[in-house]
Amino acid sequence: MPLARVLVGVVVLVLGVIMILPIPLIGNMPPGAAAAVIAVGITERDGVVVLVGLVGATLAIVIAGAATWAILLAIVHYVMTHWAAR
């Protein structure tokens, strides 16, 4: 199905963009693992493995979003406590 291939391609593209970002600690490992599982599923033409990879991709996107949100909150807290006190 061409639509499914396009949607999986978009998910892999998003994972690639997340892997480019400098997210500290485990930021690049979950998207890389999810992309690898999706790639194995596509190579073997196994839809179940692709679905497992898509579930992993969802978790990886949530983890990356949470890590990014936590970093932004820490930056805002630092700015508010240190720079606003002047």
PDB file of N, CA and C in Angstrom:
ATOM      1  N   MET A   1       0.844  -1.182   0.000  1.00  0.00           N
ATOM      2  CA  MET A   1       0.000   0.000   0.000  1.00  0.00           C
ATOM      3  C   MET A   1       0.889   1.246   0.000  1.00  0.00           C
ATOM      4  N   PRO A   2       0.764   2.070  -1.002  1.00  0.00           N
ATOM      5  CA  PRO A   2       1.604   3.258  -1.094  1.00  0.00           C
ATOM      6  C   PRO A   2       1.380   4.249   0.055  1.00  0.00           C
ATOM      7  N   LEU A   3       0.137   4.397   0.522  1.00  0.00           N
ATOM      8  CA  LEU A   3      -0.122   5.341   1.611  1.00  0.00           C
ATOM      9  C   LEU A   3       0.588   4.898   2.884  1.00  0.00           C
ATOM     10  N   ALA A   4       0.576   3.618   3.175  1.00  0.00           N
ATOM     11  CA  ALA A   4       1.255   3.107   4.364  1.00  0.00           C
ATOM     12  C   ALA A   4       2.762   3.348   4.263  1.00  0.00           C
ATOM     13  N   ARG A   5       3.320   3.159   3.088  1.00  0.00           N
ATOM     14  CA  ARG A   5       4.759   3.404   2.910  1.00  0.00           C
ATOM     15  C   ARG A   5       5.098   4.870   3.137  1.00  0.00           C
ATOM     16  N   VAL A   6       4.244   5.748   2.661  1.00  0.00           N
ATOM     17  CA  VAL A   6       4.471   7.181   2.853  1.00  0.00           C
ATOM     18  C   VAL A   6       4.385   7.532   4.334  1.00  0.00           C
ATOM     19  N   LEU A   7       3.395   7.003   5.029  1.00  0.00           N
ATOM     20  CA  LEU A   7       3.232   7.307   6.460  1.00  0.00           C
ATOM     21  C   LEU A   7       4.405   6.762   7.277  1.00  0.00           C
ATOM     22  N   VAL A   8       4.848   5.555   6.962  1.00  0.00           N
ATOM     23  CA  VAL A   8       6.016   5.006   7.654  1.00  0.00           C
ATOM     24  C   VAL A   8       7.253   5.840   7.325  1.00  0.00           C
ATOM     25  N   GLY A   9       7.363   6.296   6.100  1.00  0.00           N
ATOM     26  CA  GLY A   9       8.475   7.168   5.717  1.00  0.00           C
ATOM     27  C   GLY A   9       8.471   8.475   6.487  1.00  0.00           C
ATOM     28  N   VAL A  10       7.303   9.051   6.702  1.00  0.00           N
ATOM     29  CA  VAL A  10       7.203  10.292   7.481  1.00  0.00           C
ATOM     30  C   VAL A  10       7.625  10.040   8.922  1.00  0.00           C
ATOM     31  N   VAL A  11       7.214   8.904   9.477  1.00  0.00           N
ATOM     32  CA  VAL A  11       7.606   8.569  10.855  1.00  0.00           C
ATOM     33  C   VAL A  11       9.124   8.415  10.946  1.00  0.00           C
ATOM     34  N   VAL A  12       9.729   7.744   9.989  1.00  0.00           N
ATOM     35  CA  VAL A  12      11.185   7.572   9.992  1.00  0.00           C
ATOM     36  C   VAL A  12      11.878   8.923   9.807  1.00  0.00           C
ATOM     37  N   LEU A  13      11.314   9.803   9.006  1.00  0.00           N
ATOM     38  CA  LEU A  13      11.862  11.146   8.846  1.00  0.00           C
ATOM     39  C   LEU A  13      11.833  11.902  10.166  1.00  0.00           C
ATOM     40  N   VAL A  14      10.715  11.826  10.888  1.00  0.00           N
ATOM     41  CA  VAL A  14      10.616  12.492  12.196  1.00  0.00           C
ATOM     42  C   VAL A  14      11.647  11.906  13.164  1.00  0.00           C
ATOM     43  N   LEU A  15      11.813  10.595  13.146  1.00  0.00           N
ATOM     44  CA  LEU A  15      12.824   9.968  14.002  1.00  0.00           C
ATOM     45  C   LEU A  15      14.224  10.461  13.641  1.00  0.00           C
ATOM     46  N   GLY A  16      14.481  10.629  12.355  1.00  0.00           N
ATOM     47  CA  GLY A  16      15.775  11.145  11.920  1.00  0.00           C
ATOM     48  C   GLY A  16      16.025  12.562  12.400  1.00  0.00           C
ATOM     49  N   VAL A  17      15.000  13.388  12.349  1.00  0.00           N
ATOM     50  CA  VAL A  17      15.138  14.765  12.843  1.00  0.00           C
ATOM     51  C   VAL A  17      15.402  14.756  14.345  1.00  0.00           C
ATOM     52  N   ILE A  18      14.714  13.881  15.070  1.00  0.00           N
ATOM     53  CA  ILE A  18      14.939  13.786  16.516  1.00  0.00           C
ATOM     54  C   ILE A  18      16.367  13.330  16.795  1.00  0.00           C
ATOM     55  N   MET A  19      16.887  12.420  15.986  1.00  0.00           N
ATOM     56  CA  MET A  19      18.257  11.946  16.198  1.00  0.00           C
ATOM     57  C   MET A  19      19.291  13.033  15.924  1.00  0.00           C
ATOM     58  N   ILE A  20      18.952  14.006  15.108  1.00  0.00           N
ATOM     59  CA  ILE A  20      19.879  15.102  14.830  1.00  0.00           C
ATOM     60  C   ILE A  20      19.963  16.059  16.021  1.00  0.00           C
ATOM     61  N   LEU A  21      18.880  16.188  16.773  1.00  0.00           N
ATOM     62  CA  LEU A  21      18.844  17.125  17.889  1.00  0.00           C
ATOM     63  C   LEU A  21      19.792  16.699  19.000  1.00  0.00           C
ATOM     64  N   PRO A  22      20.432  17.669  19.656  1.00  0.00           N
ATOM     65  CA  PRO A  22      21.364  17.324  20.739  1.00  0.00           C
ATOM     66  C   PRO A  22      20.642  17.121  22.077  1.00  0.00           C
ATOM     67  N   ILE A  23      19.832  16.082  22.153  1.00  0.00           N
ATOM     68  CA  ILE A  23      19.118  15.780  23.394  1.00  0.00           C
ATOM     69  C   ILE A  23      20.071  14.985  24.285  1.00  0.00           C
ATOM     70  N   PRO A  24      20.337  15.448  25.511  1.00  0.00           N
ATOM     71  CA  PRO A  24      21.331  14.776  26.348  1.00  0.00           C
ATOM     72  C   PRO A  24      20.869  13.409  26.859  1.00  0.00           C
ATOM     73  N   LEU A  25      21.825  12.677  27.370  1.00  0.00           N
ATOM     74  CA  LEU A  25      21.656  11.343  27.952  1.00  0.00           C
ATOM     75  C   LEU A  25      21.159  10.357  26.900  1.00  0.00           C
ATOM     76  N   ILE A  26      19.943   9.851  27.024  1.00  0.00           N
ATOM     77  CA  ILE A  26      19.473   8.793  26.127  1.00  0.00           C
ATOM     78  C   ILE A  26      18.659   9.335  24.964  1.00  0.00           C
ATOM     79  N   GLY A  27      18.863  10.576  24.608  1.00  0.00           N
ATOM     80  CA  GLY A  27      18.021  11.229  23.615  1.00  0.00           C
ATOM     81  C   GLY A  27      18.012  10.612  22.238  1.00  0.00           C
ATOM     82  N   ASN A  28      19.127  10.023  21.806  1.00  0.00           N
ATOM     83  CA  ASN A  28      19.201   9.491  20.442  1.00  0.00           C
ATOM     84  C   ASN A  28      18.991   7.988  20.364  1.00  0.00           C
ATOM     85  N   MET A  29      19.056   7.304  21.481  1.00  0.00           N
ATOM     86  CA  MET A  29      18.952   5.838  21.432  1.00  0.00           C
ATOM     87  C   MET A  29      17.543   5.328  21.127  1.00  0.00           C
ATOM     88  N   PRO A  30      16.484   5.826  21.775  1.00  0.00           N
ATOM     89  CA  PRO A  30      15.148   5.304  21.433  1.00  0.00           C
ATOM     90  C   PRO A  30      14.735   5.546  19.973  1.00  0.00           C
ATOM     91  N   PRO A  31      14.963   6.753  19.417  1.00  0.00           N
ATOM     92  CA  PRO A  31      14.602   6.920  18.000  1.00  0.00           C
ATOM     93  C   PRO A  31      15.432   6.034  17.072  1.00  0.00           C
ATOM     94  N   GLY A  32      16.700   5.838  17.398  1.00  0.00           N
ATOM     95  CA  GLY A  32      17.543   4.979  16.569  1.00  0.00           C
ATOM     96  C   GLY A  32      17.090   3.530  16.607  1.00  0.00           C
ATOM     97  N   ALA A  33      16.727   3.064  17.801  1.00  0.00           N
ATOM     98  CA  ALA A  33      16.251   1.688  17.930  1.00  0.00           C
ATOM     99  C   ALA A  33      14.928   1.504  17.182  1.00  0.00           C
ATOM    100  N   ALA A  34      14.033   2.470  17.311  1.00  0.00           N
ATOM    101  CA  ALA A  34      12.738   2.377  16.622  1.00  0.00           C
ATOM    102  C   ALA A  34      12.935   2.392  15.108  1.00  0.00           C
ATOM    103  N   ALA A  35      13.819   3.249  14.613  1.00  0.00           N
ATOM    104  CA  ALA A  35      14.080   3.292  13.178  1.00  0.00           C
ATOM    105  C   ALA A  35      14.698   1.981  12.699  1.00  0.00           C
ATOM    106  N   ALA A  36      15.565   1.386  13.518  1.00  0.00           N
ATOM    107  CA  ALA A  36      16.175   0.116  13.141  1.00  0.00           C
ATOM    108  C   ALA A  36      15.136  -1.008  13.072  1.00  0.00           C
ATOM    109  N   VAL A  37      14.218  -1.035  14.032  1.00  0.00           N
ATOM    110  CA  VAL A  37      13.176  -2.067  14.019  1.00  0.00           C
ATOM    111  C   VAL A  37      12.266  -1.890  12.806  1.00  0.00           C
ATOM    112  N   ILE A  38      11.919  -0.647  12.502  1.00  0.00           N
ATOM    113  CA  ILE A  38      11.095  -0.379  11.317  1.00  0.00           C
ATOM    114  C   ILE A  38      11.835  -0.823  10.051  1.00  0.00           C
ATOM    115  N   ALA A  39      13.135  -0.531   9.989  1.00  0.00           N
ATOM    116  CA  ALA A  39      13.923  -0.914   8.811  1.00  0.00           C
ATOM    117  C   ALA A  39      13.974  -2.433   8.644  1.00  0.00           C
ATOM    118  N   VAL A  40      14.133  -3.150   9.757  1.00  0.00           N
ATOM    119  CA  VAL A  40      14.143  -4.612   9.675  1.00  0.00           C
ATOM    120  C   VAL A  40      12.777  -5.117   9.208  1.00  0.00           C
ATOM    121  N   GLY A  41      11.710  -4.523   9.725  1.00  0.00           N
ATOM    122  CA  GLY A  41      10.370  -4.929   9.312  1.00  0.00           C
ATOM    123  C   GLY A  41      10.112  -4.680   7.845  1.00  0.00           C
ATOM    124  N   ILE A  42      10.583  -3.560   7.341  1.00  0.00           N
ATOM    125  CA  ILE A  42      10.396  -3.255   5.923  1.00  0.00           C
ATOM    126  C   ILE A  42      11.243  -4.200   5.064  1.00  0.00           C
ATOM    127  N   THR A  43      12.477  -4.438   5.497  1.00  0.00           N
ATOM    128  CA  THR A  43      13.360  -5.327   4.745  1.00  0.00           C
ATOM    129  C   THR A  43      12.801  -6.746   4.656  1.00  0.00           C
ATOM    130  N   GLU A  44      12.270  -7.225   5.766  1.00  0.00           N
ATOM    131  CA  GLU A  44      11.724  -8.586   5.811  1.00  0.00           C
ATOM    132  C   GLU A  44      10.268  -8.660   5.351  1.00  0.00           C
ATOM    133  N   ARG A  45       9.687  -7.521   5.029  1.00  0.00           N
ATOM    134  CA  ARG A  45       8.278  -7.430   4.626  1.00  0.00           C
ATOM    135  C   ARG A  45       7.351  -8.061   5.671  1.00  0.00           C
ATOM    136  N   ASP A  46       7.634  -7.696   6.941  1.00  0.00           N
ATOM    137  CA  ASP A  46       6.879  -8.217   8.073  1.00  0.00           C
ATOM    138  C   ASP A  46       6.137  -7.056   8.729  1.00  0.00           C
ATOM    139  N   GLY A  47       4.825  -7.035   8.533  1.00  0.00           N
ATOM    140  CA  GLY A  47       4.016  -5.938   9.045  1.00  0.00           C
ATOM    141  C   GLY A  47       3.983  -5.868  10.558  1.00  0.00           C
ATOM    142  N   VAL A  48       4.067  -7.017  11.220  1.00  0.00           N
ATOM    143  CA  VAL A  48       4.048  -7.017  12.690  1.00  0.00           C
ATOM    144  C   VAL A  48       5.290  -6.326  13.240  1.00  0.00           C
ATOM    145  N   VAL A  49       6.442  -6.594  12.643  1.00  0.00           N
ATOM    146  CA  VAL A  49       7.672  -5.953  13.089  1.00  0.00           C
ATOM    147  C   VAL A  49       7.618  -4.451  12.813  1.00  0.00           C
ATOM    148  N   VAL A  50       7.045  -4.064  11.686  1.00  0.00           N
ATOM    149  CA  VAL A  50       6.881  -2.634  11.393  1.00  0.00           C
ATOM    150  C   VAL A  50       5.970  -1.991  12.441  1.00  0.00           C
ATOM    151  N   LEU A  51       4.894  -2.672  12.814  1.00  0.00           N
ATOM    152  CA  LEU A  51       4.001  -2.135  13.843  1.00  0.00           C
ATOM    153  C   LEU A  51       4.704  -2.015  15.194  1.00  0.00           C
ATOM    154  N   VAL A  52       5.524  -2.995  15.533  1.00  0.00           N
ATOM    155  CA  VAL A  52       6.305  -2.908  16.776  1.00  0.00           C
ATOM    156  C   VAL A  52       7.247  -1.703  16.703  1.00  0.00           C
ATOM    157  N   GLY A  53       7.853  -1.495  15.553  1.00  0.00           N
ATOM    158  CA  GLY A  53       8.714  -0.331  15.370  1.00  0.00           C
ATOM    159  C   GLY A  53       7.955   0.979  15.468  1.00  0.00           C
ATOM    160  N   LEU A  54       6.720   1.002  14.962  1.00  0.00           N
ATOM    161  CA  LEU A  54       5.913   2.219  15.055  1.00  0.00           C
ATOM    162  C   LEU A  54       5.508   2.509  16.505  1.00  0.00           C
ATOM    163  N   VAL A  55       5.230   1.456  17.268  1.00  0.00           N
ATOM    164  CA  VAL A  55       4.948   1.651  18.695  1.00  0.00           C
ATOM    165  C   VAL A  55       6.198   2.185  19.395  1.00  0.00           C
ATOM    166  N   GLY A  56       7.343   1.612  19.057  1.00  0.00           N
ATOM    167  CA  GLY A  56       8.602   2.119  19.596  1.00  0.00           C
ATOM    168  C   GLY A  56       8.868   3.555  19.183  1.00  0.00           C
ATOM    169  N   ALA A  57       8.494   3.905  17.957  1.00  0.00           N
ATOM    170  CA  ALA A  57       8.664   5.280  17.491  1.00  0.00           C
ATOM    171  C   ALA A  57       7.792   6.235  18.293  1.00  0.00           C
ATOM    172  N   THR A  58       6.571   5.798  18.598  1.00  0.00           N
ATOM    173  CA  THR A  58       5.694   6.634  19.418  1.00  0.00           C
ATOM    174  C   THR A  58       6.316   6.870  20.787  1.00  0.00           C
ATOM    175  N   LEU A  59       6.829   5.811  21.392  1.00  0.00           N
ATOM    176  CA  LEU A  59       7.491   5.964  22.694  1.00  0.00           C
ATOM    177  C   LEU A  59       8.727   6.852  22.592  1.00  0.00           C
ATOM    178  N   ALA A  60       9.489   6.701  21.522  1.00  0.00           N
ATOM    179  CA  ALA A  60      10.694   7.512  21.341  1.00  0.00           C
ATOM    180  C   ALA A  60      10.351   8.989  21.181  1.00  0.00           C
ATOM    181  N   ILE A  61       9.284   9.278  20.455  1.00  0.00           N
ATOM    182  CA  ILE A  61       8.865  10.673  20.279  1.00  0.00           C
ATOM    183  C   ILE A  61       8.391  11.249  21.604  1.00  0.00           C
ATOM    184  N   VAL A  62       7.675  10.462  22.397  1.00  0.00           N
ATOM    185  CA  VAL A  62       7.227  10.924  23.715  1.00  0.00           C
ATOM    186  C   VAL A  62       8.426  11.172  24.629  1.00  0.00           C
ATOM    187  N   ILE A  63       9.395  10.256  24.630  1.00  0.00           N
ATOM    188  CA  ILE A  63      10.588  10.427  25.472  1.00  0.00           C
ATOM    189  C   ILE A  63      11.369  11.665  25.053  1.00  0.00           C
ATOM    190  N   ALA A  64      11.562  11.865  23.760  1.00  0.00           N
ATOM    191  CA  ALA A  64      12.302  13.033  23.276  1.00  0.00           C
ATOM    192  C   ALA A  64      11.551  14.319  23.595  1.00  0.00           C
ATOM    193  N   GLY A  65      10.233  14.290  23.459  1.00  0.00           N
ATOM    194  CA  GLY A  65       9.437  15.471  23.798  1.00  0.00           C
ATOM    195  C   GLY A  65       9.507  15.799  25.278  1.00  0.00           C
ATOM    196  N   ALA A  66       9.447  14.768  26.122  1.00  0.00           N
ATOM    197  CA  ALA A  66       9.538  14.992  27.566  1.00  0.00           C
ATOM    198  C   ALA A  66      10.912  15.525  27.954  1.00  0.00           C
ATOM    199  N   ALA A  67      11.961  14.985  27.347  1.00  0.00           N
ATOM    200  CA  ALA A  67      13.310  15.468  27.650  1.00  0.00           C
ATOM    201  C   ALA A  67      13.482  16.914  27.200  1.00  0.00           C
ATOM    202  N   THR A  68      12.984  17.240  26.038  1.00  0.00           N
ATOM    203  CA  THR A  68      13.077  18.614  25.545  1.00  0.00           C
ATOM    204  C   THR A  68      12.274  19.562  26.418  1.00  0.00           C
ATOM    205  N   TRP A  69      11.087  19.144  26.815  1.00  0.00           N
ATOM    206  CA  TRP A  69      10.245  19.972  27.685  1.00  0.00           C
ATOM    207  C   TRP A  69      10.921  20.198  29.029  1.00  0.00           C
ATOM    208  N   ALA A  70      11.536  19.165  29.594  1.00  0.00           N
ATOM    209  CA  ALA A  70      12.221  19.298  30.882  1.00  0.00           C
ATOM    210  C   ALA A  70      13.397  20.271  30.777  1.00  0.00           C
ATOM    211  N   ILE A  71      14.123  20.209  29.672  1.00  0.00           N
ATOM    212  CA  ILE A  71      15.247  21.130  29.480  1.00  0.00           C
ATOM    213  C   ILE A  71      14.746  22.563  29.354  1.00  0.00           C
ATOM    214  N   LEU A  72      13.669  22.766  28.611  1.00  0.00           N
ATOM    215  CA  LEU A  72      13.111  24.115  28.474  1.00  0.00           C
ATOM    216  C   LEU A  72      12.626  24.651  29.815  1.00  0.00           C
ATOM    217  N   LEU A  73      11.970  23.809  30.608  1.00  0.00           N
ATOM    218  CA  LEU A  73      11.526  24.245  31.935  1.00  0.00           C
ATOM    219  C   LEU A  73      12.705  24.590  32.837  1.00  0.00           C
ATOM    220  N   ALA A  74      13.775  23.822  32.762  1.00  0.00           N
ATOM    221  CA  ALA A  74      14.959  24.114  33.564  1.00  0.00           C
ATOM    222  C   ALA A  74      15.585  25.442  33.146  1.00  0.00           C
ATOM    223  N   ILE A  75      15.623  25.722  31.861  1.00  0.00           N
ATOM    224  CA  ILE A  75      16.180  26.988  31.378  1.00  0.00           C
ATOM    225  C   ILE A  75      15.320  28.151  31.856  1.00  0.00           C
ATOM    226  N   VAL A  76      14.002  28.024  31.731  1.00  0.00           N
ATOM    227  CA  VAL A  76      13.106  29.090  32.183  1.00  0.00           C
ATOM    228  C   VAL A  76      13.247  29.303  33.687  1.00  0.00           C
ATOM    229  N   HIS A  77      13.329  28.235  34.456  1.00  0.00           N
ATOM    230  CA  HIS A  77      13.485  28.354  35.904  1.00  0.00           C
ATOM    231  C   HIS A  77      14.795  29.053  36.250  1.00  0.00           C
ATOM    232  N   TYR A  78      15.866  28.686  35.564  1.00  0.00           N
ATOM    233  CA  TYR A  78      17.158  29.320  35.808  1.00  0.00           C
ATOM    234  C   TYR A  78      17.109  30.810  35.493  1.00  0.00           C
ATOM    235  N   VAL A  79      16.518  31.145  34.363  1.00  0.00           N
ATOM    236  CA  VAL A  79      16.448  32.559  33.963  1.00  0.00           C
ATOM    237  C   VAL A  79      15.601  33.341  34.959  1.00  0.00           C
ATOM    238  N   MET A  80      14.488  32.765  35.366  1.00  0.00           N
ATOM    239  CA  MET A  80      13.585  33.475  36.284  1.00  0.00           C
ATOM    240  C   MET A  80      14.221  33.672  37.667  1.00  0.00           C
ATOM    241  N   THR A  81      14.990  32.720  38.130  1.00  0.00           N
ATOM    242  CA  THR A  81      15.566  32.848  39.470  1.00  0.00           C
ATOM    243  C   THR A  81      16.860  33.634  39.496  1.00  0.00           C
ATOM    244  N   HIS A  82      17.658  33.572  38.446  1.00  0.00           N
ATOM    245  CA  HIS A  82      18.960  34.218  38.473  1.00  0.00           C
ATOM    246  C   HIS A  82      18.977  35.574  37.779  1.00  0.00           C
ATOM    247  N   TRP A  83      18.305  35.687  36.674  1.00  0.00           N
ATOM    248  CA  TRP A  83      18.351  36.948  35.954  1.00  0.00           C
ATOM    249  C   TRP A  83      17.256  37.909  36.384  1.00  0.00           C
ATOM    250  N   ALA A  84      16.121  37.402  36.805  1.00  0.00           N
ATOM    251  CA  ALA A  84      15.052  38.286  37.223  1.00  0.00           C
ATOM    252  C   ALA A  84      15.290  38.883  38.588  1.00  0.00           C
ATOM    253  N   ALA A  85      16.206  38.314  39.360  1.00  0.00           N
ATOM    254  CA  ALA A  85      16.498  38.813  40.711  1.00  0.00           C
ATOM    255  C   ALA A  85      17.353  40.068  40.665  1.00  0.00           C
ATOM    256  N   ARG A  86      17.872  40.430  39.547  1.00  0.00           N
ATOM    257  CA  ARG A  86      18.766  41.614  39.439  1.00  0.00           C
ATOM    258  C   ARG A  86      18.004  42.871  39.491  1.00  0.00           C
TER     259      ARG A  86
END
